[in-house]
Structures are given as C-alpha cells and as structure tokens.
Amino acid sequence: MNALPAPLYPGFYSDSRETVLIIFALFSFIILASMLASRFGFRAKVRRIGAIGAIEEAIGRAAETGRPVLYLSGMYDMNSIATMASINILSHVAETAARYEVDLKMACCRSLVMNAARDAVSAAYSAAGKPELYRPDNISYITDDQWGFACAVDSIITRERPAANLMFGHFVSESLIYAETGFAVGAMQIAATNDFNQIPFFVIACDYCMIGEELYAAAAYLSKKPHAAAHLLAIDICKSIIILMIIYGVISVSFFG
C-alpha cells in the first residue's frame, strides 16, 4: 500500500486555526479600509477628553505666574507607541506655549527622543508664528539610567518650580517621584500613561489623569490628522467585535454547551 505524499510545508497550515486566520483577515481589512477611507475624505470623530482642555488651562496658569512648563515623555525610546503619541501631544503643548509666550522645558532620557522633541517643538513654534522664542537648550538629554534620570527630574522640578507638570508617555516605577515632587511645588499636573501599574500614582497626585489608551486618543485628537483618527476608529471596531465574540462564546457555553 502506497503512503500518501507528505505535504510540501508540513505545519505551515493547520485546519484547527482557520478561525484565527479569519479573524486576522477581518481585522486587517477593517484597519486598511479605515485608513483608505481617511485618504478619500472620511473624518472619524474622536471624543474630546476632559484632560485635553486642562492642558491650555495649565499653560495659561504658567503664563500668569511667570513660571515654566515641564514636559516629560516617559522612559521609553521612539520605538514605543506611547512615546510617539507623547511627541504628537508635545506639538500641541509647544504651540500653545508659544502663543502664551511661556517657557517650555523638557527632560529626555533618550537622545533620539530629544531630537524628535526638538523637531516637533521647533515646528510648533513656527506654526504659532513665534519661531524666535524657540530655545533648543530647553529640551535636554539627561541619561538613559532610570533612577539617575528620576533624580535629575526631581531636582529640576524642585529648582525650576514649574507651574505645570505634563507627563505623557510610558512611565514605570519612578512615576510617583515626578508626581509627588510636582505636587509638593504646587504645579498643576496632567498625566497619561499606558502602564496600568502607574495609573494609581498619577490619579492620587495629579489634577487630571488619562487612563490607558486615552493617551492614544488624545494624540489622535490633538494631531488633527485624519489617518490617526481613522486608525483609532478601526481599533475600536476590532475591540467591539472581540467583545461580541466573548459574549457569544459565554452564552453558547452557558446555555447550549
């Protein structure tokens, strides 16, 4: 009896994982369709988050008191989605600071983040019609070391006594140091992070806090780029489908299993 020939690529395709392939194809189609739709005039609506309005309030407070605004983008490099979202938010912060003629300072723990931040702030000051107010030295690289950077930021907050402390990005265990020191000097603090372990510290010590993926929503809202809002909409649609699948699975197992 002749044996059946072995498949050319054994293990390349498994019938038991067809569902995963279908879901992957569906989600890919939703994301690509949303991105293409944004190129042809589709504008997804992003809900305004309360903390976004507080950014201008914090910068206005800095203008009234004559104190600077401190911006932190977290501990991660430019390969982090949270850091990229933070740079988008920084552009809005810088443009607002330029309009109010407020001194904007930023401490970076990655040299690449510093370069990206300088480019974003320079463009924002030019867009606001105040390119002469841009000071590249206000955006400085400190160190890659976590606690060395935390100590440096702590001293900057204590020395400069900023009127506003804006923290957007991926923060880790040093987050409470920033928030507690900012609270001690009386700074108005707004924070957003995608690390759920650090959210309780920000909630306790900050005036406003964005939770989890609100960081990305804020970046999409402030960037005013159609493709960013469309991508956010596509991800929300995919999440809704996953939730419906979970509900369907629970009902099926509970009543028809």
C-alpha atoms as a PDB file:
ATOM      1  CA  MET A   1       0.000   0.000   0.000  1.00  0.00           C
ATOM      2  CA  ASN A   2       1.442   3.301  -1.088  1.00  0.00           C
ATOM      3  CA  ALA A   3       1.616   6.022   1.540  1.00  0.00           C
ATOM      4  CA  LEU A   4       0.275   9.468   0.782  1.00  0.00           C
ATOM      5  CA  PRO A   5       2.968  12.006  -0.090  1.00  0.00           C
ATOM      6  CA  ALA A   6       3.977  14.314   2.725  1.00  0.00           C
ATOM      7  CA  PRO A   7       2.895  17.951   2.390  1.00  0.00           C
ATOM      8  CA  LEU A   8       5.448  20.298   0.931  1.00  0.00           C
ATOM      9  CA  TYR A   9       5.455  22.542   4.005  1.00  0.00           C
ATOM     10  CA  PRO A  10       4.420  20.433   6.997  1.00  0.00           C
ATOM     11  CA  GLY A  11       2.879  22.519   9.725  1.00  0.00           C
ATOM     12  CA  PHE A  12       2.554  25.618   7.534  1.00  0.00           C
ATOM     13  CA  TYR A  13      -1.235  25.477   7.565  1.00  0.00           C
ATOM     14  CA  SER A  14      -3.415  23.975  10.265  1.00  0.00           C
ATOM     15  CA  ASP A  15      -7.144  23.418   9.839  1.00  0.00           C
ATOM     16  CA  SER A  16      -7.595  23.906  13.567  1.00  0.00           C
ATOM     17  CA  ARG A  17      -6.514  27.545  13.297  1.00  0.00           C
ATOM     18  CA  GLU A  18      -8.774  28.666  10.491  1.00  0.00           C
ATOM     19  CA  THR A  19     -10.710  30.853  12.925  1.00  0.00           C
ATOM     20  CA  VAL A  20      -7.561  32.769  13.825  1.00  0.00           C
ATOM     21  CA  LEU A  21      -6.818  33.321  10.140  1.00  0.00           C
ATOM     22  CA  ILE A  22     -10.339  34.593   9.500  1.00  0.00           C
ATOM     23  CA  ILE A  23     -10.198  36.988  12.453  1.00  0.00           C
ATOM     24  CA  PHE A  24      -6.779  38.247  11.380  1.00  0.00           C
ATOM     25  CA  ALA A  25      -8.026  38.853   7.835  1.00  0.00           C
ATOM     26  CA  LEU A  26     -11.149  40.618   9.124  1.00  0.00           C
ATOM     27  CA  PHE A  27      -9.232  42.934  11.438  1.00  0.00           C
ATOM     28  CA  SER A  28      -6.656  43.691   8.748  1.00  0.00           C
ATOM     29  CA  PHE A  29      -9.448  44.580   6.333  1.00  0.00           C
ATOM     30  CA  ILE A  30     -11.097  46.900   8.873  1.00  0.00           C
ATOM     31  CA  ILE A  31      -7.854  48.757   9.587  1.00  0.00           C
ATOM     32  CA  LEU A  32      -6.860  49.079   5.928  1.00  0.00           C
ATOM     33  CA  ALA A  33     -10.366  50.147   4.921  1.00  0.00           C
ATOM     34  CA  SER A  34     -10.398  52.852   7.585  1.00  0.00           C
ATOM     35  CA  MET A  35      -7.001  54.149   6.525  1.00  0.00           C
ATOM     36  CA  LEU A  36      -8.014  54.226   2.862  1.00  0.00           C
ATOM     37  CA  ALA A  37     -11.297  55.932   3.706  1.00  0.00           C
ATOM     38  CA  SER A  38      -9.395  58.691   5.509  1.00  0.00           C
ATOM     39  CA  ARG A  39      -7.462  59.349   2.306  1.00  0.00           C
ATOM     40  CA  PHE A  40     -10.718  59.927   0.445  1.00  0.00           C
ATOM     41  CA  GLY A  41     -12.202  62.456   2.825  1.00  0.00           C
ATOM     42  CA  PHE A  42     -13.585  60.324   5.652  1.00  0.00           C
ATOM     43  CA  ARG A  43     -13.246  62.075   9.007  1.00  0.00           C
ATOM     44  CA  ALA A  44     -13.653  59.944  12.108  1.00  0.00           C
ATOM     45  CA  LYS A  45     -14.893  61.818  15.151  1.00  0.00           C
ATOM     46  CA  VAL A  46     -12.784  61.496  18.294  1.00  0.00           C
ATOM     47  CA  ARG A  47     -14.426  62.366  21.593  1.00  0.00           C
ATOM     48  CA  ARG A  48     -12.734  65.214  23.412  1.00  0.00           C
ATOM     49  CA  ILE A  49     -11.214  64.108  26.713  1.00  0.00           C
ATOM     50  CA  GLY A  50     -11.569  66.455  29.665  1.00  0.00           C
ATOM     51  CA  ALA A  51      -7.855  66.471  30.418  1.00  0.00           C
ATOM     52  CA  ILE A  52      -7.128  67.877  26.951  1.00  0.00           C
ATOM     53  CA  GLY A  53      -8.883  71.126  27.785  1.00  0.00           C
ATOM     54  CA  ALA A  54      -6.915  71.295  31.015  1.00  0.00           C
ATOM     55  CA  ILE A  55      -3.645  71.491  29.066  1.00  0.00           C
ATOM     56  CA  GLU A  56      -4.378  75.036  27.925  1.00  0.00           C
ATOM     57  CA  GLU A  57      -5.551  75.901  31.422  1.00  0.00           C
ATOM     58  CA  ALA A  58      -2.245  74.677  32.860  1.00  0.00           C
ATOM     59  CA  ILE A  59      -0.211  76.644  30.317  1.00  0.00           C
ATOM     60  CA  GLY A  60      -2.329  79.729  30.986  1.00  0.00           C
ATOM     61  CA  ARG A  61      -1.587  79.344  34.663  1.00  0.00           C
ATOM     62  CA  ALA A  62       2.122  79.232  33.854  1.00  0.00           C
ATOM     63  CA  ALA A  63       1.756  82.462  31.869  1.00  0.00           C
ATOM     64  CA  GLU A  64       0.029  84.162  34.795  1.00  0.00           C
ATOM     65  CA  THR A  65       2.658  83.125  37.325  1.00  0.00           C
ATOM     66  CA  GLY A  66       5.678  83.591  35.062  1.00  0.00           C
ATOM     67  CA  ARG A  67       6.858  80.050  35.750  1.00  0.00           C
ATOM     68  CA  PRO A  68       7.808  77.420  33.147  1.00  0.00           C
ATOM     69  CA  VAL A  69       6.004  74.323  31.909  1.00  0.00           C
ATOM     70  CA  LEU A  70       7.788  70.991  32.317  1.00  0.00           C
ATOM     71  CA  TYR A  71       7.047  68.175  29.878  1.00  0.00           C
ATOM     72  CA  LEU A  72       8.026  64.521  30.332  1.00  0.00           C
ATOM     73  CA  SER A  73       7.571  61.786  27.723  1.00  0.00           C
ATOM     74  CA  GLY A  74       8.342  58.731  29.837  1.00  0.00           C
ATOM     75  CA  MET A  75      11.234  56.294  29.933  1.00  0.00           C
ATOM     76  CA  TYR A  76      10.920  54.618  26.537  1.00  0.00           C
ATOM     77  CA  ASP A  77      12.579  55.374  23.209  1.00  0.00           C
ATOM     78  CA  MET A  78      10.986  56.333  19.898  1.00  0.00           C
ATOM     79  CA  ASN A  79      10.199  52.685  19.138  1.00  0.00           C
ATOM     80  CA  SER A  80       7.431  52.890  21.744  1.00  0.00           C
ATOM     81  CA  ILE A  81       3.929  53.775  20.560  1.00  0.00           C
ATOM     82  CA  ALA A  82       3.360  55.671  23.800  1.00  0.00           C
ATOM     83  CA  THR A  83       6.405  57.856  23.138  1.00  0.00           C
ATOM     84  CA  MET A  84       5.270  58.590  19.594  1.00  0.00           C
ATOM     85  CA  ALA A  85       1.859  59.586  20.933  1.00  0.00           C
ATOM     86  CA  SER A  86       3.586  61.784  23.501  1.00  0.00           C
ATOM     87  CA  ILE A  87       5.528  63.623  20.792  1.00  0.00           C
ATOM     88  CA  ASN A  88       2.245  64.336  18.986  1.00  0.00           C
ATOM     89  CA  ILE A  89       0.819  65.802  22.182  1.00  0.00           C
ATOM     90  CA  LEU A  90       4.038  67.757  22.708  1.00  0.00           C
ATOM     91  CA  SER A  91       3.459  69.552  19.402  1.00  0.00           C
ATOM     92  CA  HIS A  92       0.128  70.863  20.677  1.00  0.00           C
ATOM     93  CA  VAL A  93       1.638  71.805  24.037  1.00  0.00           C
ATOM     94  CA  ALA A  94       4.507  73.654  22.356  1.00  0.00           C
ATOM     95  CA  GLU A  95       2.216  75.577  20.025  1.00  0.00           C
ATOM     96  CA  THR A  96       0.031  76.629  22.950  1.00  0.00           C
ATOM     97  CA  ALA A  97       3.091  77.592  24.999  1.00  0.00           C
ATOM     98  CA  ALA A  98       4.349  79.697  22.089  1.00  0.00           C
ATOM     99  CA  ARG A  99       1.048  81.562  21.856  1.00  0.00           C
ATOM    100  CA  TYR A 100       1.140  82.301  25.584  1.00  0.00           C
ATOM    101  CA  GLU A 101       4.900  83.024  25.415  1.00  0.00           C
ATOM    102  CA  VAL A 102       5.570  80.521  28.187  1.00  0.00           C
ATOM    103  CA  ASP A 103       8.930  78.870  28.746  1.00  0.00           C
ATOM    104  CA  LEU A 104       8.595  75.167  27.854  1.00  0.00           C
ATOM    105  CA  LYS A 105      11.172  72.754  29.241  1.00  0.00           C
ATOM    106  CA  MET A 106      11.560  69.045  28.639  1.00  0.00           C
ATOM    107  CA  ALA A 107      13.894  66.446  30.117  1.00  0.00           C
ATOM    108  CA  CYS A 108      14.605  63.358  27.996  1.00  0.00           C
ATOM    109  CA  CYS A 109      16.103  60.018  28.953  1.00  0.00           C
ATOM    110  CA  ARG A 110      16.761  59.012  25.341  1.00  0.00           C
ATOM    111  CA  SER A 111      18.822  61.038  22.872  1.00  0.00           C
ATOM    112  CA  LEU A 112      16.582  60.089  19.951  1.00  0.00           C
ATOM    113  CA  VAL A 113      13.545  61.332  21.857  1.00  0.00           C
ATOM    114  CA  MET A 114      15.354  64.619  22.439  1.00  0.00           C
ATOM    115  CA  ASN A 115      15.977  65.057  18.709  1.00  0.00           C
ATOM    116  CA  ALA A 116      12.374  64.211  17.832  1.00  0.00           C
ATOM    117  CA  ALA A 117      11.096  66.566  20.527  1.00  0.00           C
ATOM    118  CA  ARG A 118      13.279  69.416  19.310  1.00  0.00           C
ATOM    119  CA  ASP A 119      11.994  68.993  15.767  1.00  0.00           C
ATOM    120  CA  ALA A 120       8.378  68.883  16.960  1.00  0.00           C
ATOM    121  CA  VAL A 121       8.726  71.916  19.225  1.00  0.00           C
ATOM    122  CA  SER A 122      10.577  73.929  16.587  1.00  0.00           C
ATOM    123  CA  ALA A 123       7.824  73.232  14.052  1.00  0.00           C
ATOM    124  CA  ALA A 124       5.145  74.097  16.616  1.00  0.00           C
ATOM    125  CA  TYR A 125       6.741  77.445  17.468  1.00  0.00           C
ATOM    126  CA  SER A 126       6.980  78.270  13.770  1.00  0.00           C
ATOM    127  CA  ALA A 127       3.333  77.302  13.264  1.00  0.00           C
ATOM    128  CA  ALA A 128       2.375  79.646  16.098  1.00  0.00           C
ATOM    129  CA  GLY A 129       4.324  82.475  14.455  1.00  0.00           C
ATOM    130  CA  LYS A 130       6.866  82.680  17.279  1.00  0.00           C
ATOM    131  CA  PRO A 131       9.998  80.922  15.953  1.00  0.00           C
ATOM    132  CA  GLU A 132      12.248  83.375  17.796  1.00  0.00           C
ATOM    133  CA  LEU A 133      11.001  82.039  21.151  1.00  0.00           C
ATOM    134  CA  TYR A 134      12.208  78.510  20.467  1.00  0.00           C
ATOM    135  CA  ARG A 135      15.172  77.508  22.622  1.00  0.00           C
ATOM    136  CA  PRO A 136      16.659  74.106  21.793  1.00  0.00           C
ATOM    137  CA  ASP A 137      18.587  74.032  25.086  1.00  0.00           C
ATOM    138  CA  ASN A 138      15.281  73.834  26.959  1.00  0.00           C
ATOM    139  CA  ILE A 139      14.918  70.285  25.624  1.00  0.00           C
ATOM    140  CA  SER A 140      17.796  68.356  27.113  1.00  0.00           C
ATOM    141  CA  TYR A 141      19.028  64.798  27.289  1.00  0.00           C
ATOM    142  CA  ILE A 142      19.879  63.667  30.830  1.00  0.00           C
ATOM    143  CA  THR A 143      20.762  59.963  30.987  1.00  0.00           C
ATOM    144  CA  ASP A 144      19.450  56.548  29.987  1.00  0.00           C
ATOM    145  CA  ASP A 145      19.642  55.346  33.579  1.00  0.00           C
ATOM    146  CA  GLN A 146      16.186  55.158  35.129  1.00  0.00           C
ATOM    147  CA  TRP A 147      16.959  56.360  38.629  1.00  0.00           C
ATOM    148  CA  GLY A 148      19.628  58.796  37.531  1.00  0.00           C
ATOM    149  CA  PHE A 149      17.038  60.381  35.267  1.00  0.00           C
ATOM    150  CA  ALA A 150      14.414  60.341  38.025  1.00  0.00           C
ATOM    151  CA  CYS A 151      16.775  62.144  40.410  1.00  0.00           C
ATOM    152  CA  ALA A 152      17.596  64.736  37.750  1.00  0.00           C
ATOM    153  CA  VAL A 153      13.922  65.413  37.034  1.00  0.00           C
ATOM    154  CA  ASP A 154      13.255  65.637  40.763  1.00  0.00           C
ATOM    155  CA  SER A 155      15.926  68.323  41.093  1.00  0.00           C
ATOM    156  CA  ILE A 156      14.628  70.179  38.020  1.00  0.00           C
ATOM    157  CA  ILE A 157      11.118  70.325  39.475  1.00  0.00           C
ATOM    158  CA  THR A 158      12.443  71.480  42.847  1.00  0.00           C
ATOM    159  CA  ARG A 159      14.726  74.105  41.317  1.00  0.00           C
ATOM    160  CA  GLU A 160      12.544  75.439  38.493  1.00  0.00           C
ATOM    161  CA  ARG A 161       9.207  75.099  40.352  1.00  0.00           C
ATOM    162  CA  PRO A 162       7.150  74.736  37.147  1.00  0.00           C
ATOM    163  CA  ALA A 163       3.575  75.968  37.170  1.00  0.00           C
ATOM    164  CA  ALA A 164       2.540  72.953  35.100  1.00  0.00           C
ATOM    165  CA  ASN A 165       3.942  69.449  35.027  1.00  0.00           C
ATOM    166  CA  LEU A 166       2.764  67.500  31.969  1.00  0.00           C
ATOM    167  CA  MET A 167       3.569  63.788  31.866  1.00  0.00           C
ATOM    168  CA  PHE A 168       2.544  61.823  28.781  1.00  0.00           C
ATOM    169  CA  GLY A 169       4.127  58.510  27.834  1.00  0.00           C
ATOM    170  CA  HIS A 170       5.172  55.153  29.229  1.00  0.00           C
ATOM    171  CA  PHE A 171       6.241  55.642  32.825  1.00  0.00           C
ATOM    172  CA  VAL A 172       7.392  52.939  35.193  1.00  0.00           C
ATOM    173  CA  SER A 173       8.233  52.824  38.885  1.00  0.00           C
ATOM    174  CA  GLU A 174       9.676  56.348  39.003  1.00  0.00           C
ATOM    175  CA  SER A 175       6.290  57.910  38.215  1.00  0.00           C
ATOM    176  CA  LEU A 176       5.438  58.632  41.849  1.00  0.00           C
ATOM    177  CA  ILE A 177       8.677  60.613  42.260  1.00  0.00           C
ATOM    178  CA  TYR A 178       7.668  63.007  39.483  1.00  0.00           C
ATOM    179  CA  ALA A 179       4.076  63.317  40.622  1.00  0.00           C
ATOM    180  CA  GLU A 180       4.846  63.717  44.317  1.00  0.00           C
ATOM    181  CA  THR A 181       7.544  66.340  43.740  1.00  0.00           C
ATOM    182  CA  GLY A 182       5.326  68.253  41.325  1.00  0.00           C
ATOM    183  CA  PHE A 183       2.529  68.230  43.875  1.00  0.00           C
ATOM    184  CA  ALA A 184       4.932  69.496  46.545  1.00  0.00           C
ATOM    185  CA  VAL A 185       5.883  72.580  44.491  1.00  0.00           C
ATOM    186  CA  GLY A 186       2.253  73.356  43.677  1.00  0.00           C
ATOM    187  CA  ALA A 187       2.367  72.519  39.977  1.00  0.00           C
ATOM    188  CA  MET A 188      -0.814  71.769  38.081  1.00  0.00           C
ATOM    189  CA  GLN A 189      -0.256  68.215  36.885  1.00  0.00           C
ATOM    190  CA  ILE A 190      -1.733  66.338  33.936  1.00  0.00           C
ATOM    191  CA  ALA A 191      -0.611  62.786  33.258  1.00  0.00           C
ATOM    192  CA  ALA A 192      -1.330  59.957  30.851  1.00  0.00           C
ATOM    193  CA  THR A 193       0.283  56.548  30.635  1.00  0.00           C
ATOM    194  CA  ASN A 194      -0.439  53.184  29.082  1.00  0.00           C
ATOM    195  CA  ASP A 195       1.114  51.375  32.055  1.00  0.00           C
ATOM    196  CA  PHE A 196      -1.800  50.456  34.299  1.00  0.00           C
ATOM    197  CA  ASN A 197       0.522  49.825  37.249  1.00  0.00           C
ATOM    198  CA  GLN A 198       1.402  53.525  37.407  1.00  0.00           C
ATOM    199  CA  ILE A 199      -2.082  54.964  36.951  1.00  0.00           C
ATOM    200  CA  PRO A 200      -2.967  54.871  40.701  1.00  0.00           C
ATOM    201  CA  PHE A 201       0.034  57.082  41.499  1.00  0.00           C
ATOM    202  CA  PHE A 202      -0.953  59.615  38.870  1.00  0.00           C
ATOM    203  CA  VAL A 203      -4.591  59.572  39.948  1.00  0.00           C
ATOM    204  CA  ILE A 204      -3.605  60.360  43.533  1.00  0.00           C
ATOM    205  CA  ALA A 205      -1.085  63.131  42.853  1.00  0.00           C
ATOM    206  CA  CYS A 206      -2.265  64.740  39.595  1.00  0.00           C
ATOM    207  CA  ASP A 207      -5.102  67.114  38.816  1.00  0.00           C
ATOM    208  CA  TYR A 208      -6.032  65.227  35.641  1.00  0.00           C
ATOM    209  CA  CYS A 209      -5.149  61.721  34.529  1.00  0.00           C
ATOM    210  CA  MET A 210      -5.815  59.886  31.288  1.00  0.00           C
ATOM    211  CA  ILE A 211      -6.158  56.152  31.665  1.00  0.00           C
ATOM    212  CA  GLY A 212      -4.574  53.621  29.338  1.00  0.00           C
ATOM    213  CA  GLU A 213      -5.417  54.123  25.691  1.00  0.00           C
ATOM    214  CA  GLU A 214      -6.807  57.589  26.284  1.00  0.00           C
ATOM    215  CA  LEU A 215      -3.188  58.583  25.677  1.00  0.00           C
ATOM    216  CA  TYR A 216      -3.514  57.452  22.057  1.00  0.00           C
ATOM    217  CA  ALA A 217      -6.946  59.034  21.717  1.00  0.00           C
ATOM    218  CA  ALA A 218      -5.557  62.348  22.937  1.00  0.00           C
ATOM    219  CA  ALA A 219      -2.683  62.151  20.463  1.00  0.00           C
ATOM    220  CA  ALA A 220      -5.086  61.431  17.595  1.00  0.00           C
ATOM    221  CA  TYR A 221      -7.415  64.235  18.677  1.00  0.00           C
ATOM    222  CA  LEU A 222      -4.681  66.842  19.016  1.00  0.00           C
ATOM    223  CA  SER A 223      -2.778  65.862  15.871  1.00  0.00           C
ATOM    224  CA  LYS A 224      -5.886  66.579  13.745  1.00  0.00           C
ATOM    225  CA  LYS A 225      -4.628  64.023  11.231  1.00  0.00           C
ATOM    226  CA  PRO A 226      -7.434  62.066   9.516  1.00  0.00           C
ATOM    227  CA  HIS A 227      -5.470  58.818   9.328  1.00  0.00           C
ATOM    228  CA  ALA A 228      -4.738  58.893  13.073  1.00  0.00           C
ATOM    229  CA  ALA A 229      -8.419  59.227  13.935  1.00  0.00           C
ATOM    230  CA  ALA A 230      -9.333  56.571  11.357  1.00  0.00           C
ATOM    231  CA  HIS A 231      -6.826  54.134  12.827  1.00  0.00           C
ATOM    232  CA  LEU A 232      -8.244  54.768  16.288  1.00  0.00           C
ATOM    233  CA  LEU A 233     -11.754  54.088  14.983  1.00  0.00           C
ATOM    234  CA  ALA A 234     -10.625  50.843  13.346  1.00  0.00           C
ATOM    235  CA  ILE A 235      -9.069  49.609  16.587  1.00  0.00           C
ATOM    236  CA  ASP A 236     -12.273  50.407  18.480  1.00  0.00           C
ATOM    237  CA  ILE A 237     -14.304  48.449  15.916  1.00  0.00           C
ATOM    238  CA  CYS A 238     -11.979  45.467  16.323  1.00  0.00           C
ATOM    239  CA  LYS A 239     -12.335  45.654  20.098  1.00  0.00           C
ATOM    240  CA  SER A 240     -16.116  45.741  19.776  1.00  0.00           C
ATOM    241  CA  ILE A 241     -16.022  42.618  17.622  1.00  0.00           C
ATOM    242  CA  ILE A 242     -13.860  40.847  20.208  1.00  0.00           C
ATOM    243  CA  ILE A 243     -16.293  41.805  22.979  1.00  0.00           C
ATOM    244  CA  LEU A 244     -19.239  40.478  20.954  1.00  0.00           C
ATOM    245  CA  MET A 245     -17.358  37.243  20.293  1.00  0.00           C
ATOM    246  CA  ILE A 246     -16.675  36.825  24.009  1.00  0.00           C
ATOM    247  CA  ILE A 247     -20.340  37.424  24.846  1.00  0.00           C
ATOM    248  CA  TYR A 248     -21.404  34.963  22.151  1.00  0.00           C
ATOM    249  CA  GLY A 249     -18.952  32.372  23.470  1.00  0.00           C
ATOM    250  CA  VAL A 250     -20.140  32.759  27.064  1.00  0.00           C
ATOM    251  CA  ILE A 251     -23.798  32.421  26.055  1.00  0.00           C
ATOM    252  CA  SER A 252     -23.072  29.429  23.825  1.00  0.00           C
ATOM    253  CA  VAL A 253     -21.173  27.559  26.522  1.00  0.00           C
ATOM    254  CA  SER A 254     -23.591  28.507  29.299  1.00  0.00           C
ATOM    255  CA  PHE A 255     -26.868  27.635  27.583  1.00  0.00           C
ATOM    256  CA  PHE A 256     -26.036  25.408  24.641  1.00  0.00           C
ATOM    257  CA  GLY A 257     -22.812  23.717  25.719  1.00  0.00           C
END
